[in-house]
């Protein structure tokens, strides 16, 4: 075994060891609000997002809206594009695409309440960078280790961390089924070095991570169906294995600031103006099967994902 390989294996063992360590974690630290109409993201929400690196809006998508999303992403046309991200323990199912399209998920990605909120948080026009579905099946899906999204988006030519992820809970997301966990305020630590692990995406530098964990509150962001979390691209985040009997689906929409368009060609979308739609269009949309224009992505064209196309539907 080479020195580099041994070092990476030691780091991964330390990451795995954390899974069994009991930590006193906070459920929220002020970045937690409830949606009401008419909705406008406030200055206080903006300040909390930049202070803590995340923002939760409860019930931003109501029961009818989230049920439409669930019907769309679990349908045959959507699931035929899935693949499994595997490590030595288990697998996580994903679907990734470049552009919104005109199906229900695309309408949500172009809705005013989502896009306007992103533009407020990033201080300017945004475009749809890519989107993904992450499914943790009951009792078989493992962890996604601590990382920053900008840890690898930086290498795609995005010069500034002016990107964010909108994390939609399609299922209830709990501690038991592997909810998102964040280190609040870690967005202010800057970009950490990352390395590829044994089947996941990128893993943050452990020594720096441990020091940050001593200073930044560890928040387990439990969410109900329809809750939405806005995540800064430099915020360290993680999710534990799904040890429950409940499925956990997250629908993630990633946006880049228009002025931060990548300076190199890569597999995610380049700047394309968003054609916004009113929020009412979500409930009016009946397209659950026409996926034209989305440009689904697979591991053979995405160097950040190690896995295989899952042929079973």
Protein backbone atom coordinates (compact mmCIF):
# COMPACT_ATOMS: atom_id res chain seq x y z
CA UNK A 1 0.00 0.00 0.00
CA UNK A 2 1.35 3.41 -0.97
CA UNK A 3 1.75 6.15 1.58
CA UNK A 4 -1.01 8.22 -0.08
CA UNK A 5 -3.40 5.27 -0.11
CA UNK A 6 -2.66 4.49 3.50
CA UNK A 7 -3.21 8.08 4.54
CA UNK A 8 -6.58 8.22 2.77
CA UNK A 9 -7.64 4.94 4.37
CA UNK A 10 -6.72 6.24 7.83
CA UNK A 11 -8.75 9.38 7.21
CA UNK A 12 -11.75 7.34 6.10
CA UNK A 13 -11.50 5.15 9.20
CA UNK A 14 -11.60 8.26 11.35
CA UNK A 15 -14.63 9.57 9.45
CA UNK A 16 -16.41 6.24 9.96
CA UNK A 17 -15.54 6.21 13.64
CA UNK A 18 -17.49 9.42 14.05
CA UNK A 19 -20.68 7.58 13.09
CA UNK A 20 -20.79 5.81 16.45
CA UNK A 21 -19.74 8.77 18.57
CA UNK A 22 -22.56 10.40 20.53
CA UNK A 23 -22.45 14.17 20.03
CA UNK A 24 -24.53 16.86 21.70
CA UNK A 25 -26.02 18.62 18.69
CA UNK A 26 -28.31 21.59 18.42
CA UNK A 27 -31.51 21.35 16.41
CA UNK A 28 -31.33 24.96 15.20
CA UNK A 29 -29.57 28.19 16.11
CA UNK A 30 -31.92 30.81 14.76
CA UNK A 31 -31.87 30.11 11.02
CA UNK A 32 -35.35 28.60 11.19
CA UNK A 33 -38.51 30.23 9.82
CA UNK A 34 -42.01 29.27 8.67
CA UNK A 35 -43.37 30.05 5.22
CA UNK A 36 -46.36 32.36 4.88
CA UNK A 37 -47.90 34.07 1.87
CA UNK A 38 -47.14 36.49 0.40
CA UNK A 39 -43.52 35.40 0.89
CA UNK A 40 -40.45 37.57 0.65
CA UNK A 41 -37.09 36.56 2.07
CA UNK A 42 -36.38 39.16 4.75
CA UNK A 43 -33.19 40.97 5.70
CA UNK A 44 -33.09 38.96 8.95
CA UNK A 45 -33.27 35.69 7.00
CA UNK A 46 -30.50 36.98 4.74
CA UNK A 47 -28.33 37.84 7.75
CA UNK A 48 -28.95 34.46 9.40
CA UNK A 49 -28.02 32.64 6.20
CA UNK A 50 -24.70 34.44 5.87
CA UNK A 51 -23.97 34.17 9.60
CA UNK A 52 -24.79 30.48 9.98
CA UNK A 53 -24.31 29.15 6.45
CA UNK A 54 -27.83 27.81 6.10
CA UNK A 55 -31.48 28.84 6.33
CA UNK A 56 -34.58 26.67 6.85
CA UNK A 57 -38.03 27.74 5.64
CA UNK A 58 -40.66 25.38 7.04
CA UNK A 59 -43.55 24.34 4.78
CA UNK A 60 -42.22 26.37 1.85
CA UNK A 61 -43.82 23.72 -0.34
CA UNK A 62 -47.28 22.74 0.86
CA UNK A 63 -48.82 19.27 0.87
CA UNK A 64 -50.21 19.49 -2.66
CA UNK A 65 -46.91 20.81 -4.06
CA UNK A 66 -44.69 18.26 -2.34
CA UNK A 67 -47.01 15.40 -3.33
CA UNK A 68 -46.63 16.47 -6.96
CA UNK A 69 -42.84 16.47 -6.60
CA UNK A 70 -42.90 13.02 -4.99
CA UNK A 71 -45.10 11.63 -7.78
CA UNK A 72 -42.72 13.03 -10.39
CA UNK A 73 -39.39 11.91 -8.90
CA UNK A 74 -40.57 8.39 -8.06
CA UNK A 75 -42.16 7.85 -11.47
CA UNK A 76 -40.77 5.46 -14.07
CA UNK A 77 -39.59 8.19 -16.47
CA UNK A 78 -37.54 9.82 -13.74
CA UNK A 79 -36.22 6.64 -12.16
CA UNK A 80 -34.93 5.24 -15.45
CA UNK A 81 -32.11 7.79 -15.10
CA UNK A 82 -31.00 6.68 -11.65
CA UNK A 83 -27.66 5.17 -10.72
CA UNK A 84 -26.21 3.93 -7.47
CA UNK A 85 -23.30 5.50 -5.65
CA UNK A 86 -21.63 2.63 -3.84
CA UNK A 87 -18.98 2.23 -1.19
CA UNK A 88 -17.83 -0.85 0.67
CA UNK A 89 -20.78 -0.61 3.06
CA UNK A 90 -23.88 0.13 0.97
CA UNK A 91 -25.34 2.36 -1.72
CA UNK A 92 -27.11 5.66 -2.28
CA UNK A 93 -29.34 6.18 -5.32
CA UNK A 94 -29.05 9.41 -7.30
CA UNK A 95 -30.48 11.17 -10.32
CA UNK A 96 -28.66 14.25 -11.65
CA UNK A 97 -29.65 16.72 -14.38
CA UNK A 98 -28.42 20.03 -15.82
CA UNK A 99 -31.46 22.09 -16.77
CA UNK A 100 -34.89 22.51 -15.14
CA UNK A 101 -37.09 21.26 -17.97
CA UNK A 102 -40.88 21.60 -17.92
CA UNK A 103 -41.90 18.76 -15.61
CA UNK A 104 -42.99 19.41 -12.02
CA UNK A 105 -39.41 19.54 -10.70
CA UNK A 106 -38.50 22.05 -13.40
CA UNK A 107 -41.44 24.29 -12.52
CA UNK A 108 -40.38 24.23 -8.85
CA UNK A 109 -36.81 25.13 -9.88
CA UNK A 110 -38.13 28.13 -11.83
CA UNK A 111 -40.79 29.23 -9.32
CA UNK A 112 -40.56 32.78 -8.03
CA UNK A 113 -40.45 31.81 -4.36
CA UNK A 114 -37.38 29.62 -4.94
CA UNK A 115 -35.49 31.71 -7.50
CA UNK A 116 -36.20 35.09 -5.89
CA UNK A 117 -34.99 33.76 -2.54
CA UNK A 118 -31.75 32.54 -4.13
CA UNK A 119 -31.22 35.90 -5.82
CA UNK A 120 -31.70 37.68 -2.50
CA UNK A 121 -29.20 35.40 -0.74
CA UNK A 122 -26.59 35.65 -3.52
CA UNK A 123 -27.11 39.39 -4.15
CA UNK A 124 -27.91 39.16 -7.84
CA UNK A 125 -29.19 37.16 -10.78
CA UNK A 126 -28.76 33.38 -10.53
CA UNK A 127 -28.94 30.51 -12.99
CA UNK A 128 -29.74 26.82 -12.59
CA UNK A 129 -26.36 25.10 -12.13
CA UNK A 130 -27.75 21.57 -11.81
CA UNK A 131 -30.19 19.55 -9.72
CA UNK A 132 -30.22 16.12 -8.19
CA UNK A 133 -32.30 13.58 -6.35
CA UNK A 134 -30.68 11.71 -3.45
CA UNK A 135 -32.51 8.64 -2.17
CA UNK A 136 -31.49 6.76 0.96
CA UNK A 137 -33.34 3.46 1.08
CA UNK A 138 -34.36 2.03 4.48
CA UNK A 139 -31.57 0.29 6.39
CA UNK A 140 -29.22 0.02 3.39
CA UNK A 141 -27.95 3.53 2.68
CA UNK A 142 -24.74 4.74 4.23
CA UNK A 143 -23.30 8.11 5.21
CA UNK A 144 -22.22 11.02 3.07
CA UNK A 145 -19.10 12.28 4.79
CA UNK A 146 -18.31 15.86 5.81
CA UNK A 147 -17.64 18.08 2.80
CA UNK A 148 -18.25 21.49 1.24
CA UNK A 149 -19.94 21.74 -2.14
CA UNK A 150 -17.47 24.44 -3.13
CA UNK A 151 -14.71 21.98 -2.26
CA UNK A 152 -15.19 20.54 -5.75
CA UNK A 153 -17.24 23.23 -7.53
CA UNK A 154 -14.13 25.40 -7.23
CA UNK A 155 -12.30 22.98 -9.52
CA UNK A 156 -14.93 23.51 -12.22
CA UNK A 157 -13.82 27.10 -12.70
CA UNK A 158 -16.21 28.85 -10.31
CA UNK A 159 -13.89 31.56 -8.99
CA UNK A 160 -16.09 32.63 -6.09
CA UNK A 161 -18.27 30.63 -3.66
CA UNK A 162 -21.35 32.45 -4.96
CA UNK A 163 -23.39 29.26 -5.26
CA UNK A 164 -25.98 27.62 -3.05
CA UNK A 165 -28.10 24.50 -2.79
CA UNK A 166 -31.84 24.44 -2.13
CA UNK A 167 -32.50 21.18 -0.24
CA UNK A 168 -36.16 20.07 -0.38
CA UNK A 169 -37.41 17.36 1.98
CA UNK A 170 -39.57 15.10 -0.20
CA UNK A 171 -39.82 12.68 2.73
CA UNK A 172 -39.56 13.52 6.41
CA UNK A 173 -35.85 13.84 7.13
CA UNK A 174 -34.96 12.69 10.65
CA UNK A 175 -31.93 11.78 12.70
CA UNK A 176 -32.88 8.12 12.31
CA UNK A 177 -33.08 8.15 8.50
CA UNK A 178 -30.02 10.34 7.92
CA UNK A 179 -31.05 13.99 7.92
CA UNK A 180 -28.69 16.72 6.76
CA UNK A 181 -26.23 17.91 9.42
CA UNK A 182 -24.27 21.17 9.23
CA UNK A 183 -21.53 22.98 11.11
CA UNK A 184 -23.15 26.36 11.61
CA UNK A 185 -20.89 29.24 10.63
CA UNK A 186 -18.36 27.02 8.86
CA UNK A 187 -19.11 28.90 5.64
CA UNK A 188 -16.86 31.65 7.03
CA UNK A 189 -13.86 29.30 7.31
CA UNK A 190 -13.12 29.38 3.59
CA UNK A 191 -12.62 26.46 1.24
CA UNK A 192 -10.99 23.32 2.68
CA UNK A 193 -8.90 20.78 0.80
CA UNK A 194 -10.88 17.67 -0.20
CA UNK A 195 -10.01 14.20 -1.48
CA UNK A 196 -11.99 11.42 -3.16
CA UNK A 197 -12.91 8.58 -0.84
CA UNK A 198 -13.94 4.98 -1.55
CA UNK A 199 -17.16 5.54 -3.44
CA UNK A 200 -18.50 8.83 -2.14
CA UNK A 201 -17.85 12.27 -3.64
CA UNK A 202 -15.31 14.41 -1.83
CA UNK A 203 -14.27 14.32 1.83
CA UNK A 204 -13.02 17.36 3.73
CA UNK A 205 -9.53 17.54 5.24
CA UNK A 206 -9.92 15.81 8.61
CA UNK A 207 -7.44 17.80 10.72
CA UNK A 208 -9.01 21.13 9.75
CA UNK A 209 -12.50 19.65 10.09
CA UNK A 210 -11.86 18.56 13.68
CA UNK A 211 -10.71 22.05 14.63
CA UNK A 212 -13.77 23.62 12.99
CA UNK A 213 -16.09 21.22 14.84
CA UNK A 214 -14.70 22.52 18.13
CA UNK A 215 -15.85 26.06 17.27
CA UNK A 216 -18.90 25.70 15.03
CA UNK A 217 -22.17 24.31 16.44
CA UNK A 218 -23.16 20.93 15.03
CA UNK A 219 -26.77 21.20 13.86
CA UNK A 220 -28.92 18.21 12.92
CA UNK A 221 -31.42 19.76 10.54
CA UNK A 222 -34.49 17.56 10.85
CA UNK A 223 -37.19 18.51 8.34
CA UNK A 224 -40.76 17.55 7.54
CA UNK A 225 -42.05 17.02 4.00
CA UNK A 226 -42.11 20.36 2.21
CA UNK A 227 -39.50 22.05 4.39
CA UNK A 228 -36.69 23.74 2.44
CA UNK A 229 -33.09 24.38 3.50
CA UNK A 230 -30.85 26.89 1.70
CA UNK A 231 -27.19 25.84 2.04
CA UNK A 232 -24.13 28.04 1.48
CA UNK A 233 -21.56 26.39 -0.82
CA UNK A 234 -18.82 26.64 1.83
CA UNK A 235 -20.89 25.20 4.70
CA UNK A 236 -19.57 21.86 5.93
CA UNK A 237 -22.33 19.26 5.89
CA UNK A 238 -22.84 15.53 6.36
CA UNK A 239 -25.58 12.92 6.63
CA UNK A 240 -25.52 9.69 8.62
CA UNK A 241 -26.65 6.24 7.45
CA UNK A 242 -30.35 5.53 7.16
CA UNK A 243 -30.85 3.16 10.08
CA UNK A 244 -34.63 3.45 10.01
CA UNK A 245 -37.36 1.63 8.12
CA UNK A 246 -38.26 4.88 6.33
CA UNK A 247 -37.06 6.00 2.90
CA UNK A 248 -35.42 9.44 2.74
CA UNK A 249 -35.57 11.47 -0.49
CA UNK A 250 -33.99 14.88 -0.91
CA UNK A 251 -34.58 17.03 -4.01
CA UNK A 252 -31.61 19.40 -4.43
CA UNK A 253 -31.55 22.43 -6.72
CA UNK A 254 -28.16 24.13 -7.12
CA UNK A 255 -27.83 27.73 -8.32
CA UNK A 256 -24.85 29.83 -9.35
CA UNK A 257 -24.67 33.61 -9.47
CA UNK A 258 -24.75 34.79 -13.09
CA UNK A 259 -21.59 36.87 -12.61
CA UNK A 260 -19.81 33.75 -11.29
CA UNK A 261 -20.21 31.66 -14.43
CA UNK A 262 -17.48 29.04 -14.70
CA UNK A 263 -14.35 30.06 -16.58
CA UNK A 264 -13.91 26.53 -17.90
CA UNK A 265 -16.14 24.03 -19.66
CA UNK A 266 -17.48 21.29 -17.39
CA UNK A 267 -20.42 18.91 -17.02
CA UNK A 268 -22.73 21.26 -15.11
CA UNK A 269 -24.73 23.96 -16.88
CA UNK A 270 -23.18 27.18 -18.10
CA UNK A 271 -25.11 30.42 -17.71
CA UNK A 272 -28.64 30.11 -19.05
CA UNK A 273 -31.24 32.72 -18.02
CA UNK A 274 -33.99 31.27 -15.83
CA UNK A 275 -37.50 31.62 -17.20
CA UNK A 276 -39.28 32.29 -13.92
CA UNK A 277 -42.86 31.14 -13.40
CA UNK A 278 -45.40 32.19 -10.75
CA UNK A 279 -45.68 29.93 -7.71
CA UNK A 280 -49.18 28.94 -8.82
CA UNK A 281 -47.62 27.12 -11.79
CA UNK A 282 -46.45 24.32 -9.48
CA UNK A 283 -50.00 23.23 -8.67
CA UNK A 284 -51.11 23.82 -12.25
CA UNK A 285 -48.37 21.60 -13.71
CA UNK A 286 -49.47 18.12 -14.79
CA UNK A 287 -46.24 17.04 -16.50
CA UNK A 288 -44.88 14.01 -14.67
CA UNK A 289 -43.42 12.14 -17.66
CA UNK A 290 -41.91 14.49 -20.27
CA UNK A 291 -38.28 14.94 -19.23
CA UNK A 292 -37.10 16.66 -22.40
CA UNK A 293 -34.52 19.40 -21.95
CA UNK A 294 -33.26 18.25 -18.54
CA UNK A 295 -30.05 16.58 -19.80
CA UNK A 296 -29.64 13.85 -17.20
CA UNK A 297 -26.06 13.16 -16.10
CA UNK A 298 -24.32 9.85 -15.39
CA UNK A 299 -21.03 8.84 -13.72
CA UNK A 300 -19.21 8.37 -17.01
CA UNK A 301 -19.60 12.12 -17.68
CA UNK A 302 -19.29 13.35 -14.09
CA UNK A 303 -15.88 13.04 -12.46
CA UNK A 304 -17.21 13.84 -8.96
CA UNK A 305 -19.42 10.77 -8.83
CA UNK A 306 -18.04 7.27 -8.55
CA UNK A 307 -20.71 4.65 -9.13
CA UNK A 308 -22.59 2.76 -11.77
CA UNK A 309 -25.81 3.21 -13.69
CA UNK A 310 -28.46 1.15 -11.91
CA UNK A 311 -30.30 -0.71 -14.65
CA UNK A 312 -33.18 -1.83 -12.42
CA UNK A 313 -36.19 0.46 -12.34
